[in-house]
Protein backbone atom coordinates (compact mmCIF):
# COMPACT_ATOMS: atom_id res chain seq x y z
CA ARG A 1 140.48 110.55 152.90
CA THR A 2 138.36 113.05 150.90
CA LEU A 3 137.17 112.83 147.36
CA ARG A 4 138.82 116.01 146.21
CA ALA A 5 141.89 116.77 143.98
CA SER A 6 144.91 117.75 145.99
CA GLU A 7 146.54 120.96 145.65
CA PHE A 8 149.86 119.27 144.42
CA ALA A 9 148.02 117.11 141.89
CA SER A 10 148.90 117.22 138.36
CA ARG A 11 145.93 118.33 136.07
CA GLY A 12 145.78 118.14 132.18
CA GLY A 13 144.65 116.11 129.26
CA PHE A 14 147.13 113.34 130.37
CA ILE A 15 145.52 112.50 133.70
CA ASP A 16 143.82 108.91 133.31
CA LEU A 17 143.06 107.62 136.84
CA VAL A 18 143.53 109.22 140.26
CA ALA A 19 144.28 107.44 143.68
CA PRO A 20 145.07 108.36 147.16
CA GLY A 21 148.02 110.65 147.55
CA GLU A 22 147.49 112.37 151.10
CA ARG A 23 148.78 110.88 154.18
CA VAL A 24 149.68 107.40 152.98
CA VAL A 25 151.29 105.00 155.20
CA THR A 26 154.49 104.19 153.80
CA THR A 27 158.09 103.16 154.83
CA GLU A 28 160.54 105.95 155.83
CA ALA A 29 164.10 106.35 154.98
CA GLY A 30 166.17 104.97 157.81
CA GLY A 31 163.55 102.73 158.89
CA GLY A 32 159.89 102.76 160.28
CA TRP A 33 156.62 104.03 159.08
CA GLY A 34 155.38 107.57 158.48
CA ARG A 35 152.55 109.26 156.46
CA GLU A 36 153.52 110.96 153.17
CA ASP A 37 151.88 113.01 150.45
CA GLY A 38 152.77 112.88 146.80
CA THR A 39 151.68 111.90 143.61
CA SER A 40 154.32 109.20 143.62
CA LEU A 41 152.33 107.47 146.21
CA ALA A 42 149.21 107.58 144.06
CA ALA A 43 151.00 106.20 141.14
CA ALA A 44 151.99 103.03 143.22
CA PHE A 45 148.29 102.34 143.93
CA VAL A 46 147.70 102.45 140.16
CA ALA A 47 150.69 100.17 139.51
CA SER A 48 149.57 97.75 141.93
CA GLY A 49 146.16 97.81 140.80
CA ALA A 50 147.33 97.05 137.25
CA ALA A 51 149.36 93.98 138.60
CA LEU A 52 146.35 92.74 140.28
CA VAL A 53 144.25 92.70 137.37
CA ARG A 54 146.91 91.07 135.35
CA ALA A 55 147.19 88.31 138.27
CA ALA A 56 143.39 87.74 137.79
CA ASN A 57 143.63 87.22 134.31
CA PRO A 58 147.24 86.56 133.06
CA THR A 59 146.08 86.54 129.35
CA LEU A 60 145.32 90.22 129.27
CA SER A 61 147.18 92.43 127.17
CA ARG A 62 148.71 95.85 128.31
CA GLU A 63 145.82 97.70 126.59
CA GLN A 64 143.37 95.59 127.94
CA VAL A 65 144.67 96.12 131.54
CA GLU A 66 144.41 99.72 130.89
CA GLY A 67 141.02 99.51 129.58
CA ILE A 68 139.60 97.55 132.50
CA LEU A 69 141.33 100.02 134.95
CA LEU A 70 139.53 103.21 133.12
CA ALA A 71 136.21 101.62 132.79
CA SER A 72 135.85 100.27 136.44
CA ALA A 73 137.01 103.74 137.87
CA ARG A 74 134.49 105.61 139.92
CA ASP A 75 133.62 109.07 138.09
CA LEU A 76 134.47 112.08 140.16
CA GLY A 77 133.90 115.64 139.45
CA PRO A 78 132.14 116.53 136.01
CA LYS A 79 130.40 113.68 134.33
CA GLY A 80 133.04 111.90 132.16
CA ARG A 81 136.50 112.37 131.95
CA ASP A 82 137.75 115.48 132.94
CA ASP A 83 141.49 117.08 133.57
CA ALA A 84 141.46 116.87 137.32
CA PHE A 85 140.31 113.37 137.68
CA GLY A 86 140.69 111.76 134.52
CA HIS A 87 138.27 108.97 134.14
CA GLY A 88 138.06 108.64 138.09
CA LEU A 89 138.89 107.13 141.07
CA LEU A 90 141.05 103.95 141.00
CA ARG A 91 138.71 101.01 142.00
CA VAL A 92 140.67 97.89 142.21
CA ASP A 93 137.98 95.55 143.40
CA ARG A 94 135.74 96.18 140.33
CA ALA A 95 138.73 96.04 137.94
CA VAL A 96 139.78 92.81 139.37
CA ARG A 97 136.33 91.27 139.10
CA ALA A 98 135.96 92.44 135.66
CA ALA A 99 139.34 90.87 134.54
CA ALA A 100 138.45 87.66 136.42
CA GLU A 101 135.16 87.39 134.24
CA LEU A 102 136.80 87.51 130.91
CA PRO A 103 137.98 84.47 129.09
CA GLY A 104 141.16 83.39 130.64
CA GLY A 105 140.43 84.92 133.94
CA LEU A 106 141.08 82.83 137.15
CA PRO A 107 138.32 82.00 139.67
CA ILE A 108 137.83 84.53 142.58
CA PRO A 109 137.66 82.71 145.83
CA SER A 110 134.10 82.86 146.35
CA ALA A 111 134.30 80.93 149.69
CA VAL A 112 136.53 83.53 151.02
CA ALA A 113 134.22 86.39 149.92
CA THR A 114 131.22 84.63 151.28
CA VAL A 115 132.87 84.39 154.89
CA GLY A 116 133.70 88.09 154.64
CA LEU A 117 130.06 88.98 153.65
CA THR A 118 128.34 86.66 156.17
CA GLU A 119 130.51 87.75 158.93
CA THR A 120 129.25 91.42 158.26
CA TYR A 121 125.72 89.90 158.66
CA LEU A 122 126.59 88.03 161.82
CA PHE A 123 128.00 91.13 163.56
CA LEU A 124 124.61 92.10 164.60
CA LEU A 125 123.95 88.60 166.10
CA TYR A 126 127.26 88.90 167.76
CA SER A 127 126.61 92.12 169.39
CA ILE A 128 122.98 90.96 170.81
CA ALA A 129 124.88 87.75 172.29
CA MET A 130 127.52 89.75 173.74
CA GLY A 131 125.21 92.21 175.49
CA LEU A 132 122.88 89.43 176.55
CA ALA A 133 125.82 87.52 177.87
CA MET A 134 127.19 90.49 179.87
CA ALA A 135 123.87 91.08 181.42
CA VAL A 136 123.22 87.52 182.39
CA THR A 137 126.50 87.20 183.95
CA ALA A 138 125.76 90.17 186.00
CA ILE A 139 122.10 89.03 187.24
CA VAL A 140 123.42 85.36 187.86
CA ALA A 141 126.43 86.74 189.78
CA ARG A 142 124.31 88.96 192.18
CA ARG A 143 121.91 86.02 192.76
CA VAL A 144 124.47 83.67 193.57
CA GLY A 145 126.48 86.41 195.89
CA GLU A 146 122.85 86.75 197.77
CA HIS A 147 122.80 83.10 198.27
CA ARG A 148 119.66 82.64 196.04
CA GLY A 149 120.95 79.66 194.01
CA GLU A 150 117.61 78.66 192.57
CA GLU A 151 116.93 82.10 191.20
CA ALA A 152 120.29 82.20 189.79
CA ALA A 153 119.53 78.92 187.93
CA LEU A 154 116.31 80.14 186.78
CA SER A 155 117.88 83.32 185.29
CA ALA A 156 120.49 81.28 183.35
CA THR A 157 117.64 79.13 182.00
CA GLN A 158 115.51 82.07 180.95
CA ALA A 159 118.70 83.59 179.08
CA ILE A 160 119.26 80.56 177.29
CA ALA A 161 115.55 80.56 175.92
CA VAL A 162 115.75 84.31 174.97
CA ALA A 163 119.01 83.67 173.12
CA LEU A 164 117.59 80.86 171.21
CA LEU A 165 114.56 83.12 170.45
CA ALA A 166 116.54 86.06 169.42
CA SER A 167 118.92 83.82 167.11
CA LEU A 168 116.01 82.19 165.53
CA PRO A 169 114.94 85.08 162.95
CA PHE A 170 118.79 85.38 161.90
CA ALA A 171 119.00 81.62 161.17
CA VAL A 172 115.56 81.52 159.21
CA ALA A 173 116.81 84.56 157.23
CA GLY A 174 120.15 83.30 156.55
CA ILE A 175 118.73 79.99 155.31
CA VAL A 176 115.87 81.08 153.41
CA TRP A 177 117.04 84.31 151.90
CA ALA A 178 120.89 83.75 151.68
CA GLN A 179 121.28 84.94 148.05
CA ASP A 180 119.05 87.88 148.83
CA LEU A 181 121.12 88.70 151.77
CA LEU A 182 124.42 88.35 149.78
CA ARG A 183 123.09 90.52 147.05
CA LEU A 184 122.12 93.29 149.57
CA MET A 185 125.76 93.35 150.98
CA GLY A 186 127.08 93.89 147.45
CA ALA A 187 127.87 90.32 146.26
CA GLN A 188 128.39 89.79 142.68
CA LEU A 189 126.29 87.20 140.62
CA ARG A 190 128.89 84.56 140.80
CA LEU A 191 128.93 84.80 144.28
CA GLU A 192 125.34 84.83 144.90
CA HIS A 193 124.95 81.58 142.82
CA ASP A 194 128.27 79.99 144.82
CA GLY A 195 128.05 81.42 148.14
CA PRO A 196 124.84 79.87 149.84
CA GLY A 197 126.08 76.20 149.04
CA GLN A 198 129.55 76.50 150.12
């Protein structure tokens, strides 16, 4: 949960990568789930990361998988490799992308990634829509309760107009600046190219 070396963490020239090892959710002996600490839990993250890298590019050798994991790590502590963090924090997302972009790599499902990124963008629009819907529901319900049907209808019509006007900037931005928006949200070059057309 914090980017610091745990008290129980190993240190030395043999450290290559670090990964989460405190309060990790895992299975408990006897059944159920719990939170545990330990370097064994961190090792599982790294092993899983290596498996995902190999899945993204089955042609990679063990040395290539290791090199990708080290090169894609997030540097922590003193600049460069050190005895506490090694080459840095495991970044599976970067490693898998790097593996997929090498010869023999399998295509990352750009459509799925695009949906995730655009949902992030649309969350703001959803928030505005929900707030507007709740306000309009309260206003219309009050007008109806007061037997002022014409005013209730007018309020509903005005709300529809406001909703259309509020959504227009989002729609225009999504159509005209699709690639720029994807780039701002952290999309890779391949996704910037593929995403807007999907």
